[in-house]
Amino acid sequence: MNPTPSKRLNLSVQYACNRDGLPLRADFVRWARAALVGGGEVAIRLVDADEGQALNNEYRGKDYATNVLSFPYDTEPLVTGDLVICPSVVAREAAEQNKPLDAHYAHLVVHGMLHLQGWDHDNDDDAEAMENKEREILAAMGYPDPYAV
């Protein structure tokens, strides 16, 4: 019989950029916990555009800073991994999409946490399932549908 994994989340938040106006650790904990099934050990690193671009180029072959990168290490018995978030990209996207900044951060943390748990969006069916799960989690926290036009 498999024991039930702990519901505990050990979350480290690293501010490797100017932290003025960025969400607090408590916000990241709430968003990450909402998306986590079982327990986990996760680091969220907030980076400037240069570091975000370098990591995206090295690990995905894309030479630009992106909003969130997920680095899963294990899913059993605990979810372990890192999320790298680039606040300048998050802020730009939120403004372009006319979304509240905290709602966009919440969405990206949920999105990244799902990746750490094995969710992906490599094909249309997987993308639809992942987007529906994101909507469900975000709605439970009182956030609007991030995919609404």
N, C-alpha and C. Protein backbone atom coordinates (compact mmCIF):
# COMPACT_ATOMS: atom_id res chain seq x y z
N MET A 1 0.84 -1.18 0.00
CA MET A 1 0.00 0.00 0.00
C MET A 1 0.89 1.25 0.00
N ASN A 2 0.60 2.18 -0.92
CA ASN A 2 1.38 3.42 -0.99
C ASN A 2 0.87 4.42 0.03
N PRO A 3 1.78 4.99 0.83
CA PRO A 3 1.33 6.02 1.75
C PRO A 3 0.91 7.27 0.99
N THR A 4 -0.03 8.01 1.55
CA THR A 4 -0.47 9.25 0.93
C THR A 4 0.63 10.28 1.07
N PRO A 5 1.02 10.94 -0.03
CA PRO A 5 2.06 11.94 0.07
C PRO A 5 1.63 13.10 0.96
N SER A 6 2.58 13.70 1.61
CA SER A 6 2.33 14.84 2.47
C SER A 6 1.73 15.98 1.67
N LYS A 7 0.89 16.76 2.33
CA LYS A 7 0.31 17.95 1.69
C LYS A 7 1.21 19.17 1.93
N ARG A 8 2.34 18.98 2.54
CA ARG A 8 3.24 20.08 2.89
C ARG A 8 3.95 20.62 1.64
N LEU A 9 4.03 21.94 1.58
CA LEU A 9 4.76 22.60 0.51
C LEU A 9 5.92 23.36 1.13
N ASN A 10 7.12 22.99 0.76
CA ASN A 10 8.31 23.73 1.15
C ASN A 10 8.66 24.60 -0.05
N LEU A 11 8.41 25.91 0.06
CA LEU A 11 8.59 26.81 -1.06
C LEU A 11 9.63 27.87 -0.73
N SER A 12 10.62 27.94 -1.59
CA SER A 12 11.65 28.98 -1.49
C SER A 12 11.40 29.99 -2.60
N VAL A 13 11.42 31.27 -2.26
CA VAL A 13 11.27 32.33 -3.26
C VAL A 13 12.57 33.13 -3.27
N GLN A 14 13.18 33.19 -4.42
CA GLN A 14 14.45 33.91 -4.60
C GLN A 14 14.19 35.14 -5.47
N TYR A 15 14.49 36.30 -4.92
CA TYR A 15 14.34 37.55 -5.67
C TYR A 15 15.71 37.92 -6.23
N ALA A 16 15.99 37.52 -7.47
CA ALA A 16 17.28 37.79 -8.12
C ALA A 16 17.15 38.99 -9.06
N CYS A 17 16.27 39.90 -8.70
CA CYS A 17 16.03 41.12 -9.47
C CYS A 17 15.46 42.14 -8.51
N ASN A 18 15.21 43.33 -8.99
CA ASN A 18 14.60 44.36 -8.15
C ASN A 18 13.23 43.86 -7.68
N ARG A 19 13.01 43.84 -6.36
CA ARG A 19 11.77 43.27 -5.87
C ARG A 19 10.67 44.29 -5.62
N ASP A 20 10.91 45.55 -5.97
CA ASP A 20 9.88 46.58 -5.82
C ASP A 20 8.63 46.20 -6.62
N GLY A 21 7.50 46.18 -5.94
CA GLY A 21 6.23 45.91 -6.59
C GLY A 21 5.96 44.46 -6.92
N LEU A 22 6.87 43.55 -6.54
CA LEU A 22 6.66 42.13 -6.83
C LEU A 22 5.81 41.49 -5.75
N PRO A 23 5.11 40.42 -6.09
CA PRO A 23 4.31 39.72 -5.08
C PRO A 23 5.18 39.25 -3.91
N LEU A 24 4.54 39.11 -2.79
CA LEU A 24 5.20 38.61 -1.59
C LEU A 24 5.29 37.09 -1.62
N ARG A 25 6.17 36.54 -0.79
CA ARG A 25 6.31 35.10 -0.69
C ARG A 25 4.96 34.45 -0.38
N ALA A 26 4.17 35.08 0.51
CA ALA A 26 2.86 34.52 0.88
C ALA A 26 1.95 34.37 -0.34
N ASP A 27 2.05 35.30 -1.29
CA ASP A 27 1.24 35.18 -2.51
C ASP A 27 1.68 33.96 -3.32
N PHE A 28 3.00 33.81 -3.49
CA PHE A 28 3.51 32.67 -4.25
C PHE A 28 3.13 31.36 -3.57
N VAL A 29 3.17 31.32 -2.25
CA VAL A 29 2.79 30.11 -1.51
C VAL A 29 1.32 29.78 -1.79
N ARG A 30 0.46 30.78 -1.71
CA ARG A 30 -0.99 30.54 -1.94
C ARG A 30 -1.24 30.03 -3.34
N TRP A 31 -0.62 30.65 -4.33
CA TRP A 31 -0.84 30.24 -5.72
C TRP A 31 -0.28 28.84 -5.98
N ALA A 32 0.91 28.58 -5.48
CA ALA A 32 1.54 27.27 -5.71
C ALA A 32 0.76 26.16 -4.99
N ARG A 33 0.37 26.41 -3.75
CA ARG A 33 -0.37 25.40 -2.99
C ARG A 33 -1.70 25.06 -3.66
N ALA A 34 -2.35 26.05 -4.25
CA ALA A 34 -3.64 25.81 -4.90
C ALA A 34 -3.51 24.83 -6.06
N ALA A 35 -2.35 24.81 -6.70
CA ALA A 35 -2.14 23.94 -7.87
C ALA A 35 -1.48 22.62 -7.52
N LEU A 36 -1.07 22.45 -6.28
CA LEU A 36 -0.29 21.28 -5.90
C LEU A 36 -1.18 20.16 -5.38
N VAL A 37 -0.98 18.97 -5.93
CA VAL A 37 -1.62 17.77 -5.41
C VAL A 37 -0.55 17.04 -4.62
N GLY A 38 -0.81 16.78 -3.35
CA GLY A 38 0.22 16.16 -2.51
C GLY A 38 1.17 17.22 -2.00
N GLY A 39 2.38 16.80 -1.72
CA GLY A 39 3.37 17.71 -1.18
C GLY A 39 4.43 18.07 -2.20
N GLY A 40 5.27 19.04 -1.81
CA GLY A 40 6.29 19.44 -2.75
C GLY A 40 7.39 20.26 -2.13
N GLU A 41 8.49 20.30 -2.86
CA GLU A 41 9.61 21.17 -2.55
C GLU A 41 9.94 21.92 -3.84
N VAL A 42 9.66 23.21 -3.82
CA VAL A 42 9.74 24.02 -5.03
C VAL A 42 10.48 25.31 -4.73
N ALA A 43 11.29 25.74 -5.67
CA ALA A 43 11.91 27.05 -5.62
C ALA A 43 11.35 27.89 -6.75
N ILE A 44 10.97 29.11 -6.42
CA ILE A 44 10.57 30.09 -7.43
C ILE A 44 11.64 31.16 -7.44
N ARG A 45 12.25 31.36 -8.59
CA ARG A 45 13.30 32.37 -8.75
C ARG A 45 12.81 33.45 -9.68
N LEU A 46 12.78 34.68 -9.19
CA LEU A 46 12.39 35.83 -9.99
C LEU A 46 13.65 36.47 -10.53
N VAL A 47 13.71 36.61 -11.86
CA VAL A 47 14.95 37.01 -12.52
C VAL A 47 14.74 38.23 -13.41
N ASP A 48 15.84 38.90 -13.72
CA ASP A 48 15.78 40.00 -14.68
C ASP A 48 15.75 39.42 -16.09
N ALA A 49 15.52 40.28 -17.07
CA ALA A 49 15.35 39.83 -18.45
C ALA A 49 16.60 39.13 -18.99
N ASP A 50 17.78 39.60 -18.59
CA ASP A 50 19.01 38.97 -19.09
C ASP A 50 19.12 37.52 -18.63
N GLU A 51 18.87 37.27 -17.36
CA GLU A 51 18.93 35.89 -16.86
C GLU A 51 17.82 35.04 -17.47
N GLY A 52 16.62 35.63 -17.59
CA GLY A 52 15.51 34.91 -18.21
C GLY A 52 15.81 34.51 -19.64
N GLN A 53 16.41 35.43 -20.38
CA GLN A 53 16.78 35.14 -21.77
C GLN A 53 17.86 34.06 -21.84
N ALA A 54 18.87 34.17 -20.99
CA ALA A 54 19.95 33.18 -21.00
C ALA A 54 19.42 31.78 -20.69
N LEU A 55 18.55 31.66 -19.69
CA LEU A 55 17.99 30.35 -19.34
C LEU A 55 17.09 29.81 -20.43
N ASN A 56 16.25 30.67 -21.01
CA ASN A 56 15.36 30.22 -22.09
C ASN A 56 16.17 29.77 -23.29
N ASN A 57 17.27 30.47 -23.58
CA ASN A 57 18.13 30.10 -24.70
C ASN A 57 18.83 28.77 -24.42
N GLU A 58 19.38 28.64 -23.21
CA GLU A 58 20.12 27.42 -22.88
C GLU A 58 19.24 26.18 -22.84
N TYR A 59 18.05 26.29 -22.25
CA TYR A 59 17.23 25.10 -22.02
C TYR A 59 16.14 24.87 -23.06
N ARG A 60 15.76 25.92 -23.81
CA ARG A 60 14.70 25.75 -24.80
C ARG A 60 15.13 26.17 -26.20
N GLY A 61 16.34 26.73 -26.32
CA GLY A 61 16.83 27.16 -27.62
C GLY A 61 16.11 28.37 -28.16
N LYS A 62 15.50 29.17 -27.26
CA LYS A 62 14.75 30.36 -27.68
C LYS A 62 15.45 31.57 -27.07
N ASP A 63 15.90 32.47 -27.92
CA ASP A 63 16.76 33.58 -27.49
C ASP A 63 15.96 34.83 -27.11
N TYR A 64 15.09 34.68 -26.13
CA TYR A 64 14.34 35.81 -25.58
C TYR A 64 13.89 35.44 -24.17
N ALA A 65 13.64 36.45 -23.36
CA ALA A 65 13.12 36.19 -22.01
C ALA A 65 11.66 35.78 -22.14
N THR A 66 11.26 34.80 -21.35
CA THR A 66 9.88 34.34 -21.37
C THR A 66 9.28 34.54 -19.98
N ASN A 67 7.98 34.34 -19.85
CA ASN A 67 7.31 34.63 -18.58
C ASN A 67 7.65 33.62 -17.48
N VAL A 68 7.57 32.33 -17.78
CA VAL A 68 7.86 31.32 -16.76
C VAL A 68 8.53 30.12 -17.42
N LEU A 69 9.52 29.60 -16.73
CA LEU A 69 10.18 28.35 -17.12
C LEU A 69 10.00 27.36 -15.98
N SER A 70 9.74 26.11 -16.32
CA SER A 70 9.55 25.07 -15.32
C SER A 70 10.66 24.03 -15.46
N PHE A 71 11.24 23.68 -14.33
CA PHE A 71 12.29 22.67 -14.29
C PHE A 71 11.88 21.57 -13.31
N PRO A 72 11.12 20.57 -13.77
CA PRO A 72 10.70 19.49 -12.87
C PRO A 72 11.86 18.53 -12.60
N TYR A 73 11.96 18.09 -11.35
CA TYR A 73 12.99 17.11 -10.99
C TYR A 73 12.38 15.77 -10.66
N ASP A 74 11.25 15.77 -9.97
CA ASP A 74 10.61 14.52 -9.58
C ASP A 74 9.15 14.79 -9.26
N THR A 75 8.31 13.77 -9.43
CA THR A 75 6.91 13.91 -9.06
C THR A 75 6.50 12.91 -7.99
N GLU A 76 7.35 11.98 -7.65
CA GLU A 76 7.02 10.95 -6.66
C GLU A 76 8.13 10.84 -5.63
N PRO A 77 7.86 10.73 -4.38
CA PRO A 77 6.56 10.92 -3.74
C PRO A 77 6.18 12.39 -3.59
N LEU A 78 7.17 13.28 -3.73
CA LEU A 78 6.90 14.72 -3.67
C LEU A 78 7.21 15.36 -5.01
N VAL A 79 6.48 16.41 -5.32
CA VAL A 79 6.79 17.21 -6.49
C VAL A 79 8.00 18.07 -6.12
N THR A 80 9.06 17.96 -6.91
CA THR A 80 10.22 18.81 -6.69
C THR A 80 10.60 19.47 -8.01
N GLY A 81 10.97 20.73 -7.92
CA GLY A 81 11.38 21.43 -9.13
C GLY A 81 11.53 22.91 -8.88
N ASP A 82 11.88 23.60 -9.94
CA ASP A 82 12.09 25.05 -9.90
C ASP A 82 11.21 25.72 -10.93
N LEU A 83 10.73 26.90 -10.58
CA LEU A 83 10.06 27.80 -11.52
C LEU A 83 10.91 29.06 -11.61
N VAL A 84 11.14 29.53 -12.81
CA VAL A 84 11.85 30.78 -13.03
C VAL A 84 10.86 31.73 -13.68
N ILE A 85 10.66 32.88 -13.05
CA ILE A 85 9.69 33.86 -13.53
C ILE A 85 10.42 35.17 -13.81
N CYS A 86 10.11 35.76 -14.93
CA CYS A 86 10.72 37.03 -15.33
C CYS A 86 9.68 38.15 -15.16
N PRO A 87 9.77 38.91 -14.06
CA PRO A 87 8.75 39.94 -13.77
C PRO A 87 8.57 40.99 -14.87
N SER A 88 9.63 41.36 -15.58
CA SER A 88 9.46 42.37 -16.63
C SER A 88 8.57 41.83 -17.76
N VAL A 89 8.69 40.55 -18.07
CA VAL A 89 7.84 39.93 -19.09
C VAL A 89 6.41 39.80 -18.57
N VAL A 90 6.27 39.39 -17.31
CA VAL A 90 4.93 39.24 -16.71
C VAL A 90 4.20 40.58 -16.72
N ALA A 91 4.89 41.64 -16.32
CA ALA A 91 4.27 42.97 -16.29
C ALA A 91 3.88 43.43 -17.69
N ARG A 92 4.76 43.22 -18.67
CA ARG A 92 4.46 43.62 -20.04
C ARG A 92 3.24 42.87 -20.57
N GLU A 93 3.21 41.54 -20.35
CA GLU A 93 2.08 40.75 -20.83
C GLU A 93 0.78 41.15 -20.16
N ALA A 94 0.81 41.38 -18.85
CA ALA A 94 -0.41 41.78 -18.14
C ALA A 94 -0.95 43.09 -18.71
N ALA A 95 -0.05 44.04 -18.99
CA ALA A 95 -0.48 45.32 -19.57
C ALA A 95 -1.05 45.12 -20.98
N GLU A 96 -0.35 44.33 -21.80
CA GLU A 96 -0.80 44.09 -23.17
C GLU A 96 -2.15 43.37 -23.20
N GLN A 97 -2.36 42.47 -22.23
CA GLN A 97 -3.59 41.67 -22.20
C GLN A 97 -4.67 42.31 -21.33
N ASN A 98 -4.36 43.50 -20.77
CA ASN A 98 -5.30 44.22 -19.91
C ASN A 98 -5.79 43.35 -18.75
N LYS A 99 -4.83 42.67 -18.09
CA LYS A 99 -5.13 41.79 -16.96
C LYS A 99 -4.54 42.39 -15.69
N PRO A 100 -5.18 42.18 -14.55
CA PRO A 100 -4.54 42.58 -13.30
C PRO A 100 -3.22 41.82 -13.13
N LEU A 101 -2.20 42.52 -12.66
CA LEU A 101 -0.89 41.92 -12.54
C LEU A 101 -0.90 40.70 -11.61
N ASP A 102 -1.60 40.79 -10.49
CA ASP A 102 -1.61 39.64 -9.57
C ASP A 102 -2.31 38.43 -10.19
N ALA A 103 -3.32 38.66 -11.01
CA ALA A 103 -4.00 37.55 -11.68
C ALA A 103 -3.07 36.87 -12.67
N HIS A 104 -2.23 37.66 -13.35
CA HIS A 104 -1.29 37.07 -14.31
C HIS A 104 -0.22 36.28 -13.58
N TYR A 105 0.30 36.82 -12.47
CA TYR A 105 1.26 36.05 -11.67
C TYR A 105 0.63 34.75 -11.17
N ALA A 106 -0.60 34.84 -10.67
CA ALA A 106 -1.28 33.63 -10.18
C ALA A 106 -1.38 32.59 -11.29
N HIS A 107 -1.77 33.03 -12.49
CA HIS A 107 -1.90 32.12 -13.61
C HIS A 107 -0.57 31.46 -13.95
N LEU A 108 0.50 32.24 -14.00
CA LEU A 108 1.79 31.68 -14.38
C LEU A 108 2.34 30.72 -13.32
N VAL A 109 2.10 31.01 -12.05
CA VAL A 109 2.53 30.08 -11.00
C VAL A 109 1.73 28.79 -11.10
N VAL A 110 0.43 28.89 -11.27
CA VAL A 110 -0.40 27.68 -11.44
C VAL A 110 0.06 26.90 -12.66
N HIS A 111 0.27 27.59 -13.77
CA HIS A 111 0.73 26.95 -15.01
C HIS A 111 2.05 26.22 -14.77
N GLY A 112 3.00 26.90 -14.15
CA GLY A 112 4.30 26.28 -13.87
C GLY A 112 4.19 25.11 -12.92
N MET A 113 3.37 25.24 -11.89
CA MET A 113 3.19 24.15 -10.93
C MET A 113 2.58 22.92 -11.60
N LEU A 114 1.67 23.12 -12.53
CA LEU A 114 1.11 21.99 -13.27
C LEU A 114 2.19 21.31 -14.10
N HIS A 115 3.06 22.10 -14.74
CA HIS A 115 4.18 21.51 -15.48
C HIS A 115 5.05 20.66 -14.55
N LEU A 116 5.31 21.15 -13.34
CA LEU A 116 6.14 20.39 -12.40
C LEU A 116 5.49 19.05 -12.04
N GLN A 117 4.18 18.96 -12.19
CA GLN A 117 3.44 17.74 -11.86
C GLN A 117 3.16 16.88 -13.08
N GLY A 118 3.78 17.23 -14.21
CA GLY A 118 3.66 16.37 -15.39
C GLY A 118 2.66 16.81 -16.43
N TRP A 119 1.92 17.88 -16.18
CA TRP A 119 0.99 18.40 -17.19
C TRP A 119 1.79 19.03 -18.31
N ASP A 120 1.23 18.98 -19.52
CA ASP A 120 1.88 19.63 -20.64
C ASP A 120 0.85 20.08 -21.65
N HIS A 121 1.29 20.80 -22.66
CA HIS A 121 0.38 21.32 -23.69
C HIS A 121 1.01 21.14 -25.07
N ASP A 122 1.59 19.95 -25.28
CA ASP A 122 2.27 19.66 -26.54
C ASP A 122 1.32 19.39 -27.70
N ASN A 123 0.08 19.03 -27.39
CA ASN A 123 -0.90 18.81 -28.46
C ASN A 123 -2.22 19.44 -28.02
N ASP A 124 -3.18 19.51 -28.92
CA ASP A 124 -4.43 20.22 -28.65
C ASP A 124 -5.20 19.63 -27.48
N ASP A 125 -5.26 18.31 -27.37
CA ASP A 125 -6.00 17.67 -26.27
C ASP A 125 -5.35 17.97 -24.93
N ASP A 126 -4.01 17.86 -24.87
CA ASP A 126 -3.30 18.15 -23.62
C ASP A 126 -3.43 19.63 -23.26
N ALA A 127 -3.35 20.50 -24.26
CA ALA A 127 -3.47 21.94 -24.02
C ALA A 127 -4.86 22.26 -23.46
N GLU A 128 -5.89 21.67 -24.03
CA GLU A 128 -7.25 21.92 -23.56
C GLU A 128 -7.42 21.43 -22.12
N ALA A 129 -6.90 20.25 -21.83
CA ALA A 129 -7.01 19.70 -20.47
C ALA A 129 -6.26 20.58 -19.47
N MET A 130 -5.06 21.02 -19.84
CA MET A 130 -4.27 21.84 -18.93
C MET A 130 -4.93 23.21 -18.72
N GLU A 131 -5.42 23.81 -19.79
CA GLU A 131 -6.10 25.11 -19.66
C GLU A 131 -7.34 24.99 -18.80
N ASN A 132 -8.10 23.91 -18.94
CA ASN A 132 -9.29 23.71 -18.11
C ASN A 132 -8.91 23.55 -16.63
N LYS A 133 -7.82 22.84 -16.37
CA LYS A 133 -7.36 22.67 -14.99
C LYS A 133 -6.92 24.02 -14.41
N GLU A 134 -6.22 24.81 -15.21
CA GLU A 134 -5.80 26.15 -14.77
C GLU A 134 -7.03 27.01 -14.44
N ARG A 135 -8.02 26.98 -15.31
CA ARG A 135 -9.25 27.76 -15.07
C ARG A 135 -9.90 27.34 -13.75
N GLU A 136 -9.98 26.04 -13.52
CA GLU A 136 -10.60 25.51 -12.30
C GLU A 136 -9.86 25.99 -11.05
N ILE A 137 -8.55 25.88 -11.05
CA ILE A 137 -7.74 26.28 -9.90
C ILE A 137 -7.86 27.78 -9.67
N LEU A 138 -7.73 28.56 -10.73
CA LEU A 138 -7.79 30.02 -10.60
C LEU A 138 -9.17 30.49 -10.16
N ALA A 139 -10.21 29.88 -10.68
CA ALA A 139 -11.57 30.25 -10.28
C ALA A 139 -11.79 29.99 -8.80
N ALA A 140 -11.24 28.88 -8.29
CA ALA A 140 -11.38 28.56 -6.87
C ALA A 140 -10.71 29.61 -5.99
N MET A 141 -9.73 30.32 -6.55
CA MET A 141 -9.06 31.40 -5.80
C MET A 141 -9.68 32.77 -6.09
N GLY A 142 -10.72 32.80 -6.95
CA GLY A 142 -11.40 34.05 -7.25
C GLY A 142 -10.83 34.83 -8.42
N TYR A 143 -10.00 34.18 -9.23
CA TYR A 143 -9.43 34.86 -10.40
C TYR A 143 -10.25 34.54 -11.64
N PRO A 144 -10.27 35.50 -12.59
CA PRO A 144 -11.02 35.27 -13.84
C PRO A 144 -10.31 34.28 -14.75
N ASP A 145 -11.03 33.83 -15.73
CA ASP A 145 -10.50 32.93 -16.75
C ASP A 145 -9.34 33.62 -17.47
N PRO A 146 -8.13 33.07 -17.38
CA PRO A 146 -6.99 33.74 -18.02
C PRO A 146 -7.01 33.64 -19.54
N TYR A 147 -7.86 32.77 -20.07
CA TYR A 147 -7.90 32.57 -21.52
C TYR A 147 -9.09 33.29 -22.15
N ALA A 148 -9.90 33.98 -21.34
CA ALA A 148 -11.04 34.71 -21.89
C ALA A 148 -10.53 35.85 -22.77
N VAL A 149 -11.19 36.03 -23.89
CA VAL A 149 -10.77 37.09 -24.83
C VAL A 149 -11.33 38.42 -24.37
